[in-house]
Every structure is written in C-alpha cells, then in structure tokens.
C-alpha cells in the first residue's frame, strides 16, 4: 500500500510539537546548577509550554482535516479557512487574556497588514475580472500581470498604509486577541480570493504553519524570563540572571516539529495542485468534446 508521506510527515511534526512540552525547555548554565532553584523546568510547568501543546494539537487537527476527503470542493476549502481563523483567534483569546498591543501605520505589523489588504484587493479584482463581473477584462488582466501588476501592488500597499496611518494615528492600543483576529482575517480572505478557491485551505495551512512557527520561535525569550520569575518566587534573595538562562531540547523539538508540519503542508499543497490541475484539464477536454459534438450535430442536421 502506498504511503501518504505528506500527511505522515505533517502529523509526525504536529505530534513532536505536542510532546515537546514533556521535555526540559529552559535551564540555567551548568555553573549555576547548585546555587539557584529551580535551575530548569519542563514545558508543561509553564503557560508557554501549554500554549505550545495547544498549537500542536490545533496543527494536528488541521492537517488531518485538510489532508482528508472533506477538502475536495471550493466551498469546503473556504469553510476550513474560516475554521482555522476561528481556532487561531480562540487560542489567542484564551492565552493572551487582557494583554494589549500597540499598533501604528508605520510599524512592521502595520506594513504587513497593509501588504495583506493590498494583495487581497488585487486578487479580488482579478477574480472579479476572470468571472466576468467587471468589464474590460483583458485590459485589466494585462495591467494586473507582470511588472505592471507588481508596480500597482506596491502603490496599493503605500496607499493602504497611508490610510491605516490616518486611522490608527501615531499609536493605537488594542487587545492582543483582536490584533490576532484582524491578521488572521486578512490572511484568510487573501487565501480565499486567490486563484483556485479549492486550494484555499492548503494555502491557509501553509500560512498557519508559518504563524505557529513564529509564535513558538519568539517564545524562547519569554520562556527564559519565566525561569528567572520562578526563581524569584522561590527565593527572592538569590534569583538568577536572564543572561545565564538557555533554551534546551523541548524548545528545539517544538521548532523542529513545526518545520516538519510546514514541509508536509508544502507536499499536501503540491499534491492538491496536481489534482486540481488534472481536474481542470479534464473539464476543458470534456467541454471541447461537447462543443465538437454540438457542432457535428448541427452540421448533420
């Protein structure tokens, strides 16, 4: 029986992320082992490890659904994109609590948001032109392609960034979970309006793997700070210093697991692309055959 390597690699990666919380994730440098307590902790002993485990479980469930039989139509694929957005927002809602983030139009977050919105607008216009809902189709498609399309995208990014700057001002503080929801919504809409809607879920899985990897990767500093906080709570007179902490196997395993999920997601995307391409070719051949049959029938009649 032929093995489904794409699904297998992604599932193994997600399982590695989940079980990484059983490993030691942060410790003090060896010279401090006998002077400071606790000098290490496992992932499940901190909220950061719990977040990593929940992310791993979410990735596992997403991989299984995207790689399954449900993801076979455009409608189901878009439904899966919506489900990923909701799950990602719920995770942020539960674990960020009352934390706030500061966003402004000139920040990296503002620029990425502007780029996402601009790309969404451009792909939406392209889809509307291709579906015949906008006039001047061939001319617009030519403008949105190649170097001209890239220039229009850059201009749109700057325009959107300027508008966001006017809306957000110098600094705008919003709940962290709301910021996550906005980013995920932009990602979800972008993945849905891109060409071939039936591949939306596969594209979103790739994006979510990148988001999960970024969240886990940037959590290393917070994990190290948590160890010094544990030490301060245990003995306020002999706490360790942040510079003497280091991430260990649990942290690295979580990152390796996410990398495997991404590789598996790429393989699933490539396989889905081949299936969709084959279906499109078959549909065109069938239409050509039906047209030929109609012309032959008209000629004979």
Protein backbone atom coordinates (compact mmCIF):
# COMPACT_ATOMS: atom_id res chain seq x y z
CA UNK A 1 0.00 0.00 0.00
CA UNK A 2 1.31 3.42 -0.99
CA UNK A 3 2.19 5.58 2.00
CA UNK A 4 0.83 9.10 2.26
CA UNK A 5 4.17 10.72 3.04
CA UNK A 6 2.84 14.28 3.03
CA UNK A 7 0.23 13.56 5.68
CA UNK A 8 2.62 11.35 7.64
CA UNK A 9 5.36 13.99 7.83
CA UNK A 10 2.91 16.72 8.86
CA UNK A 11 1.26 14.52 11.51
CA UNK A 12 4.63 13.45 12.94
CA UNK A 13 5.66 17.12 13.09
CA UNK A 14 2.49 18.09 14.97
CA UNK A 15 2.96 15.21 17.42
CA UNK A 16 6.55 16.30 18.04
CA UNK A 17 5.26 19.80 18.87
CA UNK A 18 2.72 18.36 21.32
CA UNK A 19 5.14 16.05 23.12
CA UNK A 20 7.88 18.70 23.30
CA UNK A 21 6.24 20.02 26.49
CA UNK A 22 7.36 16.86 28.30
CA UNK A 23 10.99 17.85 27.79
CA UNK A 24 13.13 20.35 29.62
CA UNK A 25 12.71 23.62 27.71
CA UNK A 26 14.84 26.09 29.73
CA UNK A 27 17.70 25.69 32.17
CA UNK A 28 20.48 27.64 33.82
CA UNK A 29 24.02 27.31 32.63
CA UNK A 30 25.77 24.36 34.33
CA UNK A 31 27.87 26.56 36.62
CA UNK A 32 24.71 27.75 38.38
CA UNK A 33 23.06 24.36 38.86
CA UNK A 34 23.75 24.03 42.58
CA UNK A 35 23.16 27.61 43.66
CA UNK A 36 19.76 28.55 42.20
CA UNK A 37 16.43 26.75 42.41
CA UNK A 38 14.69 25.82 40.25
CA UNK A 39 17.52 25.68 37.74
CA UNK A 40 15.30 24.26 34.96
CA UNK A 41 11.68 23.43 34.15
CA UNK A 42 9.77 21.32 31.65
CA UNK A 43 7.34 22.78 29.15
CA UNK A 44 4.15 21.70 30.88
CA UNK A 45 5.21 23.57 34.05
CA UNK A 46 4.65 26.97 32.40
CA UNK A 47 1.90 28.60 30.38
CA UNK A 48 4.27 28.85 27.42
CA UNK A 49 4.54 25.08 27.24
CA UNK A 50 0.75 24.74 27.44
CA UNK A 51 0.41 27.19 24.54
CA UNK A 52 2.91 25.14 22.51
CA UNK A 53 0.94 21.96 23.22
CA UNK A 54 -2.35 23.59 22.20
CA UNK A 55 -0.75 24.90 18.99
CA UNK A 56 0.49 21.38 18.25
CA UNK A 57 -2.97 19.90 18.80
CA UNK A 58 -4.52 22.57 16.55
CA UNK A 59 -1.95 21.85 13.83
CA UNK A 60 -2.59 18.11 14.11
CA UNK A 61 -6.35 18.53 13.73
CA UNK A 62 -5.92 20.98 10.83
CA UNK A 63 -3.54 18.68 8.95
CA UNK A 64 -5.87 15.70 9.31
CA UNK A 65 -8.88 17.66 8.03
CA UNK A 66 -7.05 19.41 5.17
CA UNK A 67 -5.48 16.12 4.04
CA UNK A 68 -8.82 14.29 4.29
CA UNK A 69 -11.76 13.87 1.96
CA UNK A 70 -13.61 16.95 3.23
CA UNK A 71 -11.22 19.31 1.43
CA UNK A 72 -12.39 18.45 -2.09
CA UNK A 73 -14.56 21.42 -3.10
CA UNK A 74 -14.12 25.18 -3.13
CA UNK A 75 -16.90 25.66 -0.59
CA UNK A 76 -15.46 23.15 1.88
CA UNK A 77 -11.98 24.61 1.44
CA UNK A 78 -13.21 28.10 2.31
CA UNK A 79 -15.10 26.67 5.31
CA UNK A 80 -11.83 25.17 6.54
CA UNK A 81 -10.12 28.55 6.15
CA UNK A 82 -12.80 30.10 8.35
CA UNK A 83 -12.37 27.33 10.92
CA UNK A 84 -8.61 27.96 11.07
CA UNK A 85 -9.22 31.67 11.65
CA UNK A 86 -11.65 30.94 14.49
CA UNK A 87 -9.35 28.38 16.15
CA UNK A 88 -6.35 30.71 15.95
CA UNK A 89 -8.38 33.56 17.46
CA UNK A 90 -9.71 31.35 20.28
CA UNK A 91 -6.18 30.28 21.21
CA UNK A 92 -5.12 33.94 21.32
CA UNK A 93 -8.25 34.89 23.29
CA UNK A 94 -7.63 32.23 25.95
CA UNK A 95 -3.90 32.74 26.44
CA UNK A 96 -3.37 36.47 25.90
CA UNK A 97 -6.01 37.40 28.47
CA UNK A 98 -6.18 41.14 28.99
CA UNK A 99 -2.89 41.90 27.23
CA UNK A 100 -2.81 44.78 24.77
CA UNK A 101 -0.62 45.55 21.79
CA UNK A 102 0.29 48.90 20.27
CA UNK A 103 -0.16 49.22 16.52
CA UNK A 104 0.53 52.13 14.20
CA UNK A 105 0.55 52.52 10.44
CA UNK A 106 4.35 52.80 10.20
CA UNK A 107 5.21 49.72 12.27
CA UNK A 108 6.13 46.29 10.91
CA UNK A 109 2.70 45.00 11.92
CA UNK A 110 1.06 47.93 10.13
CA UNK A 111 3.12 47.32 6.99
CA UNK A 112 2.33 43.59 6.93
CA UNK A 113 -1.34 44.37 7.44
CA UNK A 114 -1.20 46.90 4.61
CA UNK A 115 0.51 44.38 2.33
CA UNK A 116 -2.10 41.74 3.15
CA UNK A 117 -5.00 44.11 2.47
CA UNK A 118 -3.43 45.35 -0.78
CA UNK A 119 -2.84 41.80 -2.03
CA UNK A 120 -6.41 40.89 -1.09
CA UNK A 121 -7.75 43.84 -3.10
CA UNK A 122 -5.65 42.96 -6.13
CA UNK A 123 -6.59 39.27 -6.11
CA UNK A 124 -10.26 40.15 -5.56
CA UNK A 125 -10.25 42.42 -8.61
CA UNK A 126 -8.54 39.69 -10.64
CA UNK A 127 -11.15 37.13 -9.60
CA UNK A 128 -14.00 39.50 -10.46
CA UNK A 129 -12.49 40.16 -13.89
CA UNK A 130 -11.97 36.47 -14.60
CA UNK A 131 -15.54 35.68 -13.57
CA UNK A 132 -16.92 38.34 -15.92
CA UNK A 133 -18.33 40.57 -13.16
CA UNK A 134 -16.17 43.53 -14.29
CA UNK A 135 -15.92 44.99 -17.78
CA UNK A 136 -12.67 45.48 -19.67
CA UNK A 137 -11.42 42.06 -18.62
CA UNK A 138 -8.44 41.52 -20.93
CA UNK A 139 -7.08 45.01 -20.39
CA UNK A 140 -7.38 44.79 -16.61
CA UNK A 141 -5.78 41.34 -16.52
CA UNK A 142 -2.86 42.66 -18.56
CA UNK A 143 -2.45 45.57 -16.13
CA UNK A 144 -2.51 43.24 -13.12
CA UNK A 145 0.11 40.89 -14.60
CA UNK A 146 3.89 41.06 -14.76
CA UNK A 147 5.86 44.19 -13.87
CA UNK A 148 2.81 46.45 -14.16
CA UNK A 149 0.91 44.31 -11.67
CA UNK A 150 3.83 44.43 -9.25
CA UNK A 151 4.00 48.22 -9.54
CA UNK A 152 0.25 48.52 -8.93
CA UNK A 153 0.61 46.26 -5.87
CA UNK A 154 3.41 48.43 -4.42
CA UNK A 155 1.36 51.59 -4.99
CA UNK A 156 -1.69 49.95 -3.38
CA UNK A 157 0.40 48.94 -0.35
CA UNK A 158 1.54 52.53 0.14
CA UNK A 159 -2.00 53.87 -0.27
CA UNK A 160 -3.42 51.34 2.22
CA UNK A 161 -0.54 52.04 4.62
CA UNK A 162 -1.26 55.78 4.40
CA UNK A 163 -4.98 55.21 5.09
CA UNK A 164 -4.17 52.91 8.03
CA UNK A 165 -1.81 55.55 9.37
CA UNK A 166 -4.63 58.12 9.28
CA UNK A 167 -6.99 55.67 11.01
CA UNK A 168 -4.58 54.34 13.62
CA UNK A 169 -2.67 57.55 14.26
CA UNK A 170 0.73 57.50 15.95
CA UNK A 171 -0.18 54.74 18.39
CA UNK A 172 -3.34 52.71 18.87
CA UNK A 173 -3.69 50.16 21.67
CA UNK A 174 -5.99 47.22 21.05
CA UNK A 175 -6.46 43.85 22.79
CA UNK A 176 -3.88 41.29 21.62
CA UNK A 177 -6.52 38.74 20.67
CA UNK A 178 -8.27 41.34 18.49
CA UNK A 179 -4.99 42.09 16.70
CA UNK A 180 -4.54 38.36 16.07
CA UNK A 181 -8.11 38.13 14.75
CA UNK A 182 -7.54 41.02 12.32
CA UNK A 183 -4.32 39.47 11.00
CA UNK A 184 -5.92 36.04 10.62
CA UNK A 185 -8.97 37.50 8.89
CA UNK A 186 -6.78 39.30 6.35
CA UNK A 187 -4.81 36.10 5.78
CA UNK A 188 -7.98 34.04 5.43
CA UNK A 189 -9.62 36.42 2.94
CA UNK A 190 -6.39 36.62 0.94
CA UNK A 191 -6.05 32.84 0.73
CA UNK A 192 -9.72 32.54 -0.29
CA UNK A 193 -9.70 35.14 -3.09
CA UNK A 194 -6.52 33.86 -4.72
CA UNK A 195 -6.85 31.82 -7.89
CA UNK A 196 -8.28 28.29 -7.47
CA UNK A 197 -10.51 28.61 -4.42
CA UNK A 198 -10.44 24.84 -3.88
CA UNK A 199 -6.82 25.20 -2.72
CA UNK A 200 -7.63 27.88 -0.12
CA UNK A 201 -7.35 25.50 2.84
CA UNK A 202 -3.95 24.22 1.69
CA UNK A 203 -2.64 27.77 1.34
CA UNK A 204 -4.03 28.69 4.75
CA UNK A 205 -2.39 25.62 6.31
CA UNK A 206 0.98 26.82 4.99
CA UNK A 207 0.33 30.29 6.42
CA UNK A 208 -0.77 28.89 9.79
CA UNK A 209 2.37 26.74 9.97
CA UNK A 210 4.45 29.89 9.48
CA UNK A 211 2.42 31.75 12.14
CA UNK A 212 2.76 28.82 14.58
CA UNK A 213 6.49 28.60 13.93
CA UNK A 214 6.88 32.33 14.54
CA UNK A 215 4.90 32.15 17.78
CA UNK A 216 6.96 29.23 19.09
CA UNK A 217 10.25 30.65 17.86
CA UNK A 218 9.73 34.06 19.50
CA UNK A 219 8.55 32.45 22.74
CA UNK A 220 12.11 31.43 23.65
CA UNK A 221 12.83 34.77 25.33
CA UNK A 222 9.59 34.57 27.34
CA UNK A 223 10.43 31.03 28.44
CA UNK A 224 13.81 32.17 29.72
CA UNK A 225 12.24 35.09 31.59
CA UNK A 226 9.76 32.69 33.17
CA UNK A 227 12.60 30.66 34.70
CA UNK A 228 14.01 33.74 36.43
CA UNK A 229 10.49 34.56 37.66
CA UNK A 230 10.14 31.05 39.13
CA UNK A 231 13.45 31.54 40.92
CA UNK A 232 12.39 34.92 42.28
CA UNK A 233 9.19 33.40 43.63
CA UNK A 234 11.16 30.55 45.25
CA UNK A 235 13.91 32.67 46.80
CA UNK A 236 13.73 36.46 46.26
CA UNK A 237 17.27 36.87 47.57
CA UNK A 238 19.08 34.52 45.17
CA UNK A 239 17.44 34.82 41.74
CA UNK A 240 19.29 34.00 38.56
CA UNK A 241 20.01 36.41 35.75
CA UNK A 242 18.39 36.27 32.33
CA UNK A 243 21.77 36.07 30.59
CA UNK A 244 22.53 32.84 32.47
CA UNK A 245 19.46 31.03 31.11
CA UNK A 246 19.33 28.98 27.93
CA UNK A 247 16.65 27.16 25.95
CA UNK A 248 17.05 23.40 25.62
CA UNK A 249 15.62 20.35 23.89
CA UNK A 250 11.94 20.99 24.48
CA UNK A 251 12.11 24.35 22.72
CA UNK A 252 14.18 22.98 19.84
CA UNK A 253 11.91 19.96 19.37
CA UNK A 254 8.86 22.23 19.09
CA UNK A 255 10.57 24.23 16.34
CA UNK A 256 11.66 21.06 14.54
CA UNK A 257 8.10 19.78 14.73
CA UNK A 258 6.67 22.96 13.18
CA UNK A 259 9.27 22.74 10.41
CA UNK A 260 8.08 19.20 9.63
CA UNK A 261 4.46 20.39 9.61
CA UNK A 262 5.44 23.07 7.09
CA UNK A 263 7.25 20.55 4.88
CA UNK A 264 4.24 18.23 5.00
CA UNK A 265 1.92 21.17 4.23
CA UNK A 266 4.01 22.05 1.17
CA UNK A 267 3.75 18.45 -0.03
CA UNK A 268 -0.02 18.44 0.55
CA UNK A 269 -0.31 21.72 -1.36
CA UNK A 270 1.70 20.33 -4.29
CA UNK A 271 -0.41 17.17 -4.41
CA UNK A 272 -3.64 19.16 -4.25
CA UNK A 273 -2.38 21.45 -7.01
CA UNK A 274 -1.70 18.46 -9.28
CA UNK A 275 -5.19 17.04 -8.59
CA UNK A 276 -6.89 20.38 -9.30
CA UNK A 277 -4.84 20.86 -12.49
CA UNK A 278 -5.82 17.39 -13.70
CA UNK A 279 -9.49 18.12 -12.96
CA UNK A 280 -9.31 21.42 -14.82
CA UNK A 281 -7.70 19.78 -17.86
CA UNK A 282 -10.35 17.05 -17.85
CA UNK A 283 -13.12 19.68 -17.63
CA UNK A 284 -11.68 21.62 -20.58
CA UNK A 285 -11.35 18.44 -22.64
CA UNK A 286 -14.93 17.50 -21.80
CA UNK A 287 -16.18 20.96 -22.80
CA UNK A 288 -14.24 20.75 -26.07
CA UNK A 289 -15.69 17.31 -26.79
CA UNK A 290 -19.22 18.52 -26.03
CA UNK A 291 -18.74 21.57 -28.27
CA UNK A 292 -17.47 19.35 -31.09
CA UNK A 293 -20.45 17.05 -30.65
CA UNK A 294 -22.84 20.01 -30.84
CA UNK A 295 -21.17 21.37 -33.98
CA UNK A 296 -21.26 17.92 -35.61
CA UNK A 297 -24.91 17.50 -34.74
CA UNK A 298 -25.69 20.95 -36.17
CA UNK A 299 -23.79 20.15 -39.39
CA UNK A 300 -25.55 16.80 -39.83
CA UNK A 301 -28.94 18.29 -39.03
